[in-house]
């Protein structure tokens, strides 16, 4: 395989993992597990409600910064291989 294929294969791997995390948090915690998580309260708010309303958004923003970090490392790795 050439460098371009390795680069995109790694990039897609990062995307799939990060999207699975986001899906798990937003759909899994916010919808499927909301009733179970609502038994736990943080600062007076039910945890399932919090994930549905704010938690998924916070996780999404964090994942954006994780993706930026990972892509910068990947870019440097392939830039140094030239």
N, C-alpha and C. Protein backbone atom coordinates (compact mmCIF):
# COMPACT_ATOMS: atom_id res chain seq x y z
N UNK A 1 0.83 -1.19 0.00
CA UNK A 1 0.00 0.00 0.00
C UNK A 1 0.87 1.25 0.00
N UNK A 2 0.39 2.26 -0.67
CA UNK A 2 1.17 3.50 -0.66
C UNK A 2 0.77 4.38 0.52
N UNK A 3 1.49 5.48 0.65
CA UNK A 3 1.28 6.37 1.81
C UNK A 3 -0.12 6.97 1.84
N UNK A 4 -0.65 7.32 0.67
CA UNK A 4 -1.97 7.93 0.62
C UNK A 4 -3.03 6.97 1.12
N UNK A 5 -2.95 5.72 0.72
CA UNK A 5 -3.92 4.73 1.20
C UNK A 5 -3.81 4.51 2.70
N UNK A 6 -2.60 4.45 3.21
CA UNK A 6 -2.41 4.29 4.66
C UNK A 6 -2.96 5.49 5.43
N UNK A 7 -2.73 6.67 4.87
CA UNK A 7 -3.22 7.90 5.50
C UNK A 7 -4.75 7.86 5.62
N UNK A 8 -5.42 7.56 4.51
CA UNK A 8 -6.88 7.58 4.51
C UNK A 8 -7.46 6.41 5.30
N UNK A 9 -6.79 5.29 5.28
CA UNK A 9 -7.25 4.15 6.08
C UNK A 9 -7.21 4.51 7.58
N UNK A 10 -6.14 5.14 8.01
CA UNK A 10 -6.03 5.57 9.41
C UNK A 10 -7.06 6.65 9.72
N UNK A 11 -7.23 7.60 8.81
CA UNK A 11 -8.20 8.67 8.99
C UNK A 11 -9.61 8.08 9.16
N UNK A 12 -9.99 7.16 8.32
CA UNK A 12 -11.31 6.54 8.41
C UNK A 12 -11.46 5.72 9.70
N UNK A 13 -10.40 5.11 10.14
CA UNK A 13 -10.44 4.38 11.41
C UNK A 13 -10.73 5.33 12.56
N UNK A 14 -10.06 6.48 12.57
CA UNK A 14 -10.33 7.50 13.60
C UNK A 14 -11.79 7.94 13.55
N UNK A 15 -12.28 8.21 12.33
CA UNK A 15 -13.66 8.66 12.18
C UNK A 15 -14.66 7.64 12.69
N UNK A 16 -14.46 6.39 12.35
CA UNK A 16 -15.40 5.34 12.77
C UNK A 16 -15.42 5.22 14.29
N UNK A 17 -14.26 5.21 14.92
CA UNK A 17 -14.21 5.08 16.38
C UNK A 17 -14.88 6.28 17.05
N UNK A 18 -14.58 7.48 16.59
CA UNK A 18 -15.16 8.67 17.19
C UNK A 18 -16.67 8.74 16.96
N UNK A 19 -17.14 8.34 15.79
CA UNK A 19 -18.58 8.33 15.53
C UNK A 19 -19.29 7.27 16.36
N UNK A 20 -18.65 6.15 16.60
CA UNK A 20 -19.25 5.13 17.47
C UNK A 20 -19.39 5.66 18.89
N UNK A 21 -18.37 6.37 19.37
CA UNK A 21 -18.45 6.96 20.70
C UNK A 21 -19.58 7.97 20.76
N UNK A 22 -19.68 8.83 19.75
CA UNK A 22 -20.73 9.84 19.73
C UNK A 22 -22.11 9.19 19.66
N UNK A 23 -22.27 8.17 18.82
CA UNK A 23 -23.55 7.47 18.71
C UNK A 23 -23.92 6.83 20.04
N UNK A 24 -22.96 6.20 20.69
CA UNK A 24 -23.22 5.56 21.98
C UNK A 24 -23.69 6.57 23.01
N UNK A 25 -23.03 7.71 23.06
CA UNK A 25 -23.40 8.73 24.04
C UNK A 25 -24.75 9.36 23.70
N UNK A 26 -24.92 9.77 22.45
CA UNK A 26 -26.14 10.50 22.10
C UNK A 26 -27.36 9.58 22.02
N UNK A 27 -27.27 8.50 21.30
CA UNK A 27 -28.42 7.61 21.14
C UNK A 27 -28.53 6.62 22.30
N UNK A 28 -27.41 6.02 22.67
CA UNK A 28 -27.43 5.02 23.73
C UNK A 28 -27.77 5.60 25.08
N UNK A 29 -26.98 6.60 25.52
CA UNK A 29 -27.20 7.19 26.84
C UNK A 29 -28.40 8.14 26.85
N UNK A 30 -28.60 8.87 25.77
CA UNK A 30 -29.67 9.87 25.74
C UNK A 30 -31.04 9.31 25.47
N UNK A 31 -31.13 8.15 24.81
CA UNK A 31 -32.45 7.59 24.45
C UNK A 31 -32.64 6.19 25.02
N UNK A 32 -31.78 5.26 24.64
CA UNK A 32 -31.98 3.86 25.04
C UNK A 32 -31.82 3.63 26.53
N UNK A 33 -30.81 4.22 27.12
CA UNK A 33 -30.53 4.00 28.54
C UNK A 33 -31.02 5.16 29.43
N UNK A 34 -31.84 6.05 28.87
CA UNK A 34 -32.26 7.24 29.62
C UNK A 34 -33.01 6.87 30.89
N UNK A 35 -33.92 5.91 30.83
CA UNK A 35 -34.69 5.54 32.02
C UNK A 35 -33.79 4.99 33.12
N UNK A 36 -32.83 4.18 32.74
CA UNK A 36 -31.90 3.63 33.72
C UNK A 36 -31.01 4.72 34.31
N UNK A 37 -30.50 5.59 33.45
CA UNK A 37 -29.63 6.67 33.91
C UNK A 37 -30.38 7.73 34.71
N UNK A 38 -31.69 7.83 34.51
CA UNK A 38 -32.48 8.82 35.25
C UNK A 38 -32.57 8.50 36.74
N UNK A 39 -32.18 7.32 37.13
CA UNK A 39 -32.16 6.96 38.55
C UNK A 39 -30.99 7.64 39.26
N UNK A 40 -30.03 8.13 38.50
CA UNK A 40 -28.87 8.84 39.05
C UNK A 40 -29.09 10.33 38.83
N UNK A 41 -28.88 11.12 39.88
CA UNK A 41 -29.03 12.56 39.76
C UNK A 41 -27.71 13.26 40.04
N UNK A 42 -27.43 14.27 39.22
CA UNK A 42 -26.25 15.11 39.40
C UNK A 42 -26.74 16.55 39.42
N UNK A 43 -26.46 17.24 40.50
CA UNK A 43 -26.87 18.64 40.68
C UNK A 43 -28.38 18.81 40.49
N UNK A 44 -29.15 17.81 40.89
CA UNK A 44 -30.60 17.89 40.80
C UNK A 44 -31.19 17.48 39.46
N UNK A 45 -30.35 17.16 38.49
CA UNK A 45 -30.84 16.76 37.17
C UNK A 45 -30.63 15.27 36.99
N UNK A 46 -31.62 14.63 36.38
CA UNK A 46 -31.50 13.21 36.09
C UNK A 46 -30.44 13.02 35.00
N UNK A 47 -29.60 12.00 35.17
CA UNK A 47 -28.47 11.80 34.27
C UNK A 47 -28.90 11.50 32.84
N UNK A 48 -29.96 10.72 32.65
CA UNK A 48 -30.45 10.43 31.30
C UNK A 48 -30.92 11.69 30.60
N UNK A 49 -31.62 12.55 31.34
CA UNK A 49 -32.06 13.83 30.78
C UNK A 49 -30.85 14.69 30.42
N UNK A 50 -29.86 14.72 31.30
CA UNK A 50 -28.67 15.53 31.06
C UNK A 50 -27.96 15.09 29.79
N UNK A 51 -27.79 13.76 29.61
CA UNK A 51 -27.14 13.27 28.39
C UNK A 51 -27.94 13.64 27.16
N UNK A 52 -29.26 13.54 27.24
CA UNK A 52 -30.10 13.85 26.08
C UNK A 52 -30.04 15.33 25.73
N UNK A 53 -29.97 16.20 26.74
CA UNK A 53 -30.04 17.63 26.49
C UNK A 53 -28.67 18.29 26.31
N UNK A 54 -27.68 17.89 27.11
CA UNK A 54 -26.39 18.58 27.07
C UNK A 54 -25.20 17.66 26.90
N UNK A 55 -25.24 16.50 27.50
CA UNK A 55 -24.09 15.61 27.51
C UNK A 55 -23.61 15.23 26.13
N UNK A 56 -24.54 14.91 25.23
CA UNK A 56 -24.15 14.52 23.88
C UNK A 56 -23.46 15.66 23.15
N UNK A 57 -23.91 16.90 23.41
CA UNK A 57 -23.29 18.06 22.77
C UNK A 57 -21.88 18.26 23.31
N UNK A 58 -21.72 18.16 24.62
CA UNK A 58 -20.38 18.31 25.21
C UNK A 58 -19.42 17.24 24.68
N UNK A 59 -19.90 16.01 24.63
CA UNK A 59 -19.06 14.92 24.12
C UNK A 59 -18.70 15.17 22.66
N UNK A 60 -19.65 15.66 21.86
CA UNK A 60 -19.38 15.95 20.46
C UNK A 60 -18.27 16.99 20.33
N UNK A 61 -18.34 18.05 21.12
CA UNK A 61 -17.30 19.09 21.06
C UNK A 61 -15.94 18.53 21.48
N UNK A 62 -15.93 17.71 22.53
CA UNK A 62 -14.69 17.07 22.96
C UNK A 62 -14.13 16.18 21.85
N UNK A 63 -15.01 15.44 21.18
CA UNK A 63 -14.57 14.57 20.09
C UNK A 63 -14.00 15.36 18.91
N UNK A 64 -14.51 16.55 18.69
CA UNK A 64 -13.94 17.41 17.64
C UNK A 64 -12.48 17.73 17.97
N UNK A 65 -12.22 18.10 19.22
CA UNK A 65 -10.84 18.42 19.61
C UNK A 65 -9.95 17.17 19.60
N UNK A 66 -10.51 16.03 19.95
CA UNK A 66 -9.74 14.77 19.87
C UNK A 66 -9.39 14.48 18.42
N UNK A 67 -10.36 14.68 17.51
CA UNK A 67 -10.10 14.45 16.09
C UNK A 67 -9.02 15.39 15.57
N UNK A 68 -9.07 16.65 15.97
CA UNK A 68 -8.05 17.62 15.56
C UNK A 68 -6.68 17.15 16.03
N UNK A 69 -6.59 16.74 17.28
CA UNK A 69 -5.32 16.26 17.84
C UNK A 69 -4.81 15.04 17.07
N UNK A 70 -5.70 14.07 16.84
CA UNK A 70 -5.29 12.86 16.13
C UNK A 70 -4.86 13.15 14.70
N UNK A 71 -5.58 14.04 14.03
CA UNK A 71 -5.23 14.35 12.65
C UNK A 71 -3.93 15.14 12.55
N UNK A 72 -3.68 16.01 13.52
CA UNK A 72 -2.39 16.72 13.53
C UNK A 72 -1.24 15.74 13.69
N UNK A 73 -1.41 14.76 14.58
CA UNK A 73 -0.38 13.73 14.75
C UNK A 73 -0.20 12.92 13.47
N UNK A 74 -1.32 12.55 12.86
CA UNK A 74 -1.26 11.77 11.63
C UNK A 74 -0.59 12.57 10.50
N UNK A 75 -0.96 13.82 10.39
CA UNK A 75 -0.33 14.67 9.36
C UNK A 75 1.17 14.78 9.57
N UNK A 76 1.59 14.96 10.81
CA UNK A 76 3.02 15.05 11.10
C UNK A 76 3.73 13.74 10.77
N UNK A 77 3.08 12.64 11.09
CA UNK A 77 3.69 11.34 10.82
C UNK A 77 3.92 11.16 9.32
N UNK A 78 2.92 11.49 8.51
CA UNK A 78 3.07 11.29 7.08
C UNK A 78 3.89 12.39 6.42
N UNK A 79 3.93 13.55 7.03
CA UNK A 79 4.78 14.63 6.53
C UNK A 79 6.25 14.26 6.72
N UNK A 80 6.57 13.63 7.86
CA UNK A 80 7.94 13.25 8.15
C UNK A 80 8.41 12.05 7.34
N UNK A 81 7.48 11.31 6.72
CA UNK A 81 7.85 10.13 5.94
C UNK A 81 8.25 10.49 4.51
N UNK A 82 8.08 11.72 4.12
CA UNK A 82 8.43 12.11 2.74
C UNK A 82 9.92 12.09 2.52
